[in-house]
Amino acid sequence: MHPVLTLPAGSIILSKGMASGEDSYSAFQAVDEKQTGFDRLLRQRGITSLFIGGLATDYCVKWTVLDALQFGYKATLLLDAIKGVNIKPGDAEAARDEMIRLGARKTTFEKLYREMAGIFEVHHRKGG
C-alpha cells in the first residue's frame, strides 16, 4: 500500500492473483491475511447484496459479478464505475450485456450516491 494511504480501523485487505501463473479475475478468488475467502467474509457479516465497479469490465468485473450471482448474491453493476480493456472491440459491452442478461441489476454510482444521500437526510431529520 502507498505510505500516504490511510485505511479506517477494521478495514479488510483482500489479495488475489499473488501466485505466478495464476489468473484470478474474480474478487471471490481473493483472501485476507488469514486466507479467509471473500465469500466467507461476506457471509460472516450477513452481506447479501454487492455493488460492483472497477477495472476491467470484460475481466475482473465480469467474473466477480458472475461469481456473485452464482453464489446467490444480489449483484448491482455500477455502469459509470467500470472500464473495459476491449482487446477485441466490443468486449466490454458484450461483458456488460452478459452480466445483465444473467441477472445483474444496473445503476450508476451517481444515482446510488443521490439515493443514499436522500436516505441519510430523511434519517437525520427524524432524529436518527
C-alpha atoms as a PDB file:
ATOM      1  CA  MET A   1       0.000   0.000   0.000  1.00  0.00           C
ATOM      2  CA  HIS A   2       1.129   3.529  -0.652  1.00  0.00           C
ATOM      3  CA  PRO A   3       2.516   5.110   2.548  1.00  0.00           C
ATOM      4  CA  VAL A   4       0.056   8.043   2.473  1.00  0.00           C
ATOM      5  CA  LEU A   5      -2.994   5.775   2.184  1.00  0.00           C
ATOM      6  CA  THR A   6      -4.944   5.788   5.433  1.00  0.00           C
ATOM      7  CA  LEU A   7      -7.429   2.974   5.931  1.00  0.00           C
ATOM      8  CA  PRO A   8     -10.216   3.067   8.519  1.00  0.00           C
ATOM      9  CA  ALA A   9      -9.875   0.833  11.567  1.00  0.00           C
ATOM     10  CA  GLY A  10     -11.237  -2.619  10.844  1.00  0.00           C
ATOM     11  CA  SER A  11     -10.520  -2.459   7.114  1.00  0.00           C
ATOM     12  CA  ILE A  12     -10.089  -5.823   5.451  1.00  0.00           C
ATOM     13  CA  ILE A  13      -7.490  -6.142   2.711  1.00  0.00           C
ATOM     14  CA  LEU A  14      -8.031  -8.912   0.190  1.00  0.00           C
ATOM     15  CA  SER A  15      -5.409 -10.174  -2.248  1.00  0.00           C
ATOM     16  CA  LYS A  16      -5.793 -12.249  -5.393  1.00  0.00           C
ATOM     17  CA  GLY A  17      -3.538 -13.397  -8.196  1.00  0.00           C
ATOM     18  CA  MET A  18      -0.499 -13.479  -5.944  1.00  0.00           C
ATOM     19  CA  ALA A  19       0.988 -16.696  -7.345  1.00  0.00           C
ATOM     20  CA  SER A  20       2.911 -16.573 -10.609  1.00  0.00           C
ATOM     21  CA  GLY A  21       0.939 -18.076 -13.439  1.00  0.00           C
ATOM     22  CA  GLU A  22      -2.323 -17.733 -11.517  1.00  0.00           C
ATOM     23  CA  ASP A  23      -5.124 -15.796 -13.175  1.00  0.00           C
ATOM     24  CA  SER A  24      -7.517 -14.537 -10.533  1.00  0.00           C
ATOM     25  CA  TYR A  25     -10.102 -12.349 -12.163  1.00  0.00           C
ATOM     26  CA  SER A  26     -12.930 -12.642  -9.638  1.00  0.00           C
ATOM     27  CA  ALA A  27     -12.884 -10.970  -6.228  1.00  0.00           C
ATOM     28  CA  PHE A  28     -14.287 -14.286  -5.000  1.00  0.00           C
ATOM     29  CA  GLN A  29     -10.806 -15.743  -5.553  1.00  0.00           C
ATOM     30  CA  ALA A  30      -9.353 -13.234  -3.088  1.00  0.00           C
ATOM     31  CA  VAL A  31      -8.372 -13.986   0.519  1.00  0.00           C
ATOM     32  CA  ASP A  32      -7.475 -11.944   3.572  1.00  0.00           C
ATOM     33  CA  GLU A  33      -4.279 -12.294   5.615  1.00  0.00           C
ATOM     34  CA  LYS A  34      -5.738 -15.406   7.330  1.00  0.00           C
ATOM     35  CA  GLN A  35      -6.572 -16.974   3.948  1.00  0.00           C
ATOM     36  CA  THR A  36     -10.303 -16.455   4.527  1.00  0.00           C
ATOM     37  CA  GLY A  37     -12.092 -16.132   1.203  1.00  0.00           C
ATOM     38  CA  PHE A  38     -14.267 -13.226   0.119  1.00  0.00           C
ATOM     39  CA  ASP A  39     -17.476 -15.295   0.086  1.00  0.00           C
ATOM     40  CA  ARG A  40     -16.920 -16.466   3.648  1.00  0.00           C
ATOM     41  CA  LEU A  41     -16.136 -12.945   4.862  1.00  0.00           C
ATOM     42  CA  LEU A  42     -19.345 -11.642   3.302  1.00  0.00           C
ATOM     43  CA  ARG A  43     -21.486 -14.431   4.754  1.00  0.00           C
ATOM     44  CA  GLN A  44     -19.958 -13.954   8.232  1.00  0.00           C
ATOM     45  CA  ARG A  45     -21.191 -10.368   8.095  1.00  0.00           C
ATOM     46  CA  GLY A  46     -24.638 -11.174   6.696  1.00  0.00           C
ATOM     47  CA  ILE A  47     -23.970  -9.329   3.437  1.00  0.00           C
ATOM     48  CA  THR A  48     -26.315 -10.388   0.639  1.00  0.00           C
ATOM     49  CA  SER A  49     -26.049  -7.522  -1.871  1.00  0.00           C
ATOM     50  CA  LEU A  50     -23.000  -6.211  -3.689  1.00  0.00           C
ATOM     51  CA  PHE A  51     -22.432  -3.061  -5.725  1.00  0.00           C
ATOM     52  CA  ILE A  52     -19.655  -3.798  -8.187  1.00  0.00           C
ATOM     53  CA  GLY A  53     -17.449  -1.473 -10.186  1.00  0.00           C
ATOM     54  CA  GLY A  54     -13.809  -1.396 -11.223  1.00  0.00           C
ATOM     55  CA  LEU A  55     -11.368  -2.488 -13.870  1.00  0.00           C
ATOM     56  CA  ALA A  56     -11.812  -4.236 -16.142  1.00  0.00           C
ATOM     57  CA  THR A  57     -15.418  -4.690 -17.245  1.00  0.00           C
ATOM     58  CA  ASP A  58     -14.534  -7.588 -19.534  1.00  0.00           C
ATOM     59  CA  TYR A  59     -12.382  -9.440 -16.970  1.00  0.00           C
ATOM     60  CA  CYS A  60     -12.368  -8.783 -13.214  1.00  0.00           C
ATOM     61  CA  VAL A  61     -15.722  -7.021 -13.051  1.00  0.00           C
ATOM     62  CA  LYS A  62     -17.405  -9.636 -15.225  1.00  0.00           C
ATOM     63  CA  TRP A  63     -16.070 -12.635 -13.289  1.00  0.00           C
ATOM     64  CA  THR A  64     -16.817 -11.018  -9.922  1.00  0.00           C
ATOM     65  CA  VAL A  65     -20.421 -10.299 -10.962  1.00  0.00           C
ATOM     66  CA  LEU A  66     -20.908 -13.798 -12.409  1.00  0.00           C
ATOM     67  CA  ASP A  67     -19.487 -15.412  -9.266  1.00  0.00           C
ATOM     68  CA  ALA A  68     -21.641 -13.178  -7.041  1.00  0.00           C
ATOM     69  CA  LEU A  69     -24.750 -14.292  -8.916  1.00  0.00           C
ATOM     70  CA  GLN A  70     -23.665 -17.951  -8.804  1.00  0.00           C
ATOM     71  CA  PHE A  71     -23.151 -17.727  -5.029  1.00  0.00           C
ATOM     72  CA  GLY A  72     -26.604 -16.200  -4.545  1.00  0.00           C
ATOM     73  CA  TYR A  73     -25.785 -12.535  -4.005  1.00  0.00           C
ATOM     74  CA  LYS A  74     -27.769  -9.666  -5.440  1.00  0.00           C
ATOM     75  CA  ALA A  75     -25.222  -8.050  -7.743  1.00  0.00           C
ATOM     76  CA  THR A  76     -25.624  -4.488  -8.947  1.00  0.00           C
ATOM     77  CA  LEU A  77     -23.316  -3.280 -11.679  1.00  0.00           C
ATOM     78  CA  LEU A  78     -22.238   0.368 -11.357  1.00  0.00           C
ATOM     79  CA  LEU A  79     -22.298   1.390 -15.011  1.00  0.00           C
ATOM     80  CA  ASP A  80     -20.389   4.640 -14.503  1.00  0.00           C
ATOM     81  CA  ALA A  81     -17.721   2.980 -12.364  1.00  0.00           C
ATOM     82  CA  ILE A  82     -16.434   0.376 -14.844  1.00  0.00           C
ATOM     83  CA  LYS A  83     -13.983   0.463 -17.718  1.00  0.00           C
ATOM     84  CA  GLY A  84     -13.122  -2.273 -20.163  1.00  0.00           C
ATOM     85  CA  VAL A  85      -9.885  -3.459 -21.724  1.00  0.00           C
ATOM     86  CA  ASN A  86     -11.517  -4.279 -25.077  1.00  0.00           C
ATOM     87  CA  ILE A  87      -8.791  -6.490 -26.520  1.00  0.00           C
ATOM     88  CA  LYS A  88     -11.348  -7.059 -29.247  1.00  0.00           C
ATOM     89  CA  PRO A  89     -13.626  -4.092 -29.952  1.00  0.00           C
ATOM     90  CA  GLY A  90     -16.909  -4.517 -28.111  1.00  0.00           C
ATOM     91  CA  ASP A  91     -15.616  -6.915 -25.418  1.00  0.00           C
ATOM     92  CA  ALA A  92     -16.640  -4.620 -22.561  1.00  0.00           C
ATOM     93  CA  GLU A  93     -20.113  -4.029 -23.970  1.00  0.00           C
ATOM     94  CA  ALA A  94     -20.609  -7.767 -24.512  1.00  0.00           C
ATOM     95  CA  ALA A  95     -19.478  -8.461 -20.937  1.00  0.00           C
ATOM     96  CA  ARG A  96     -21.836  -5.794 -19.578  1.00  0.00           C
ATOM     97  CA  ASP A  97     -24.747  -7.219 -21.572  1.00  0.00           C
ATOM     98  CA  GLU A  98     -23.952 -10.756 -20.383  1.00  0.00           C
ATOM     99  CA  MET A  99     -23.868  -9.721 -16.724  1.00  0.00           C
ATOM    100  CA  ILE A 100     -27.249  -8.008 -17.042  1.00  0.00           C
ATOM    101  CA  ARG A 101     -28.746 -10.889 -19.031  1.00  0.00           C
ATOM    102  CA  LEU A 102     -27.651 -13.325 -16.303  1.00  0.00           C
ATOM    103  CA  GLY A 103     -29.258 -11.307 -13.517  1.00  0.00           C
ATOM    104  CA  ALA A 104     -27.117  -8.358 -12.513  1.00  0.00           C
ATOM    105  CA  ARG A 105     -29.037  -5.239 -11.723  1.00  0.00           C
ATOM    106  CA  LYS A 106     -27.709  -1.996 -13.103  1.00  0.00           C
ATOM    107  CA  THR A 107     -27.416   1.511 -11.769  1.00  0.00           C
ATOM    108  CA  THR A 108     -24.871   4.279 -11.662  1.00  0.00           C
ATOM    109  CA  PHE A 109     -22.646   5.333  -8.795  1.00  0.00           C
ATOM    110  CA  GLU A 110     -24.078   8.833  -9.180  1.00  0.00           C
ATOM    111  CA  LYS A 111     -27.666   7.577  -8.754  1.00  0.00           C
ATOM    112  CA  LEU A 112     -26.706   5.370  -5.818  1.00  0.00           C
ATOM    113  CA  TYR A 113     -24.937   8.295  -4.146  1.00  0.00           C
ATOM    114  CA  ARG A 114     -28.003  10.545  -4.571  1.00  0.00           C
ATOM    115  CA  GLU A 115     -30.292   7.840  -3.154  1.00  0.00           C
ATOM    116  CA  MET A 116     -28.025   7.251  -0.162  1.00  0.00           C
ATOM    117  CA  ALA A 117     -27.753  10.994   0.487  1.00  0.00           C
ATOM    118  CA  GLY A 118     -31.560  11.190   0.453  1.00  0.00           C
ATOM    119  CA  ILE A 119     -31.875   8.322   2.922  1.00  0.00           C
ATOM    120  CA  PHE A 120     -29.322   9.942   5.212  1.00  0.00           C
ATOM    121  CA  GLU A 121     -31.142  13.282   5.015  1.00  0.00           C
ATOM    122  CA  VAL A 122     -34.522  11.716   5.904  1.00  0.00           C
ATOM    123  CA  HIS A 123     -32.943   9.697   8.731  1.00  0.00           C
ATOM    124  CA  HIS A 124     -31.173  12.795  10.063  1.00  0.00           C
ATOM    125  CA  ARG A 125     -34.382  14.890  10.007  1.00  0.00           C
ATOM    126  CA  LYS A 126     -36.189  12.182  12.000  1.00  0.00           C
ATOM    127  CA  GLY A 127     -33.547  12.471  14.693  1.00  0.00           C
ATOM    128  CA  GLY A 128     -31.881   9.117  13.973  1.00  0.00           C
END
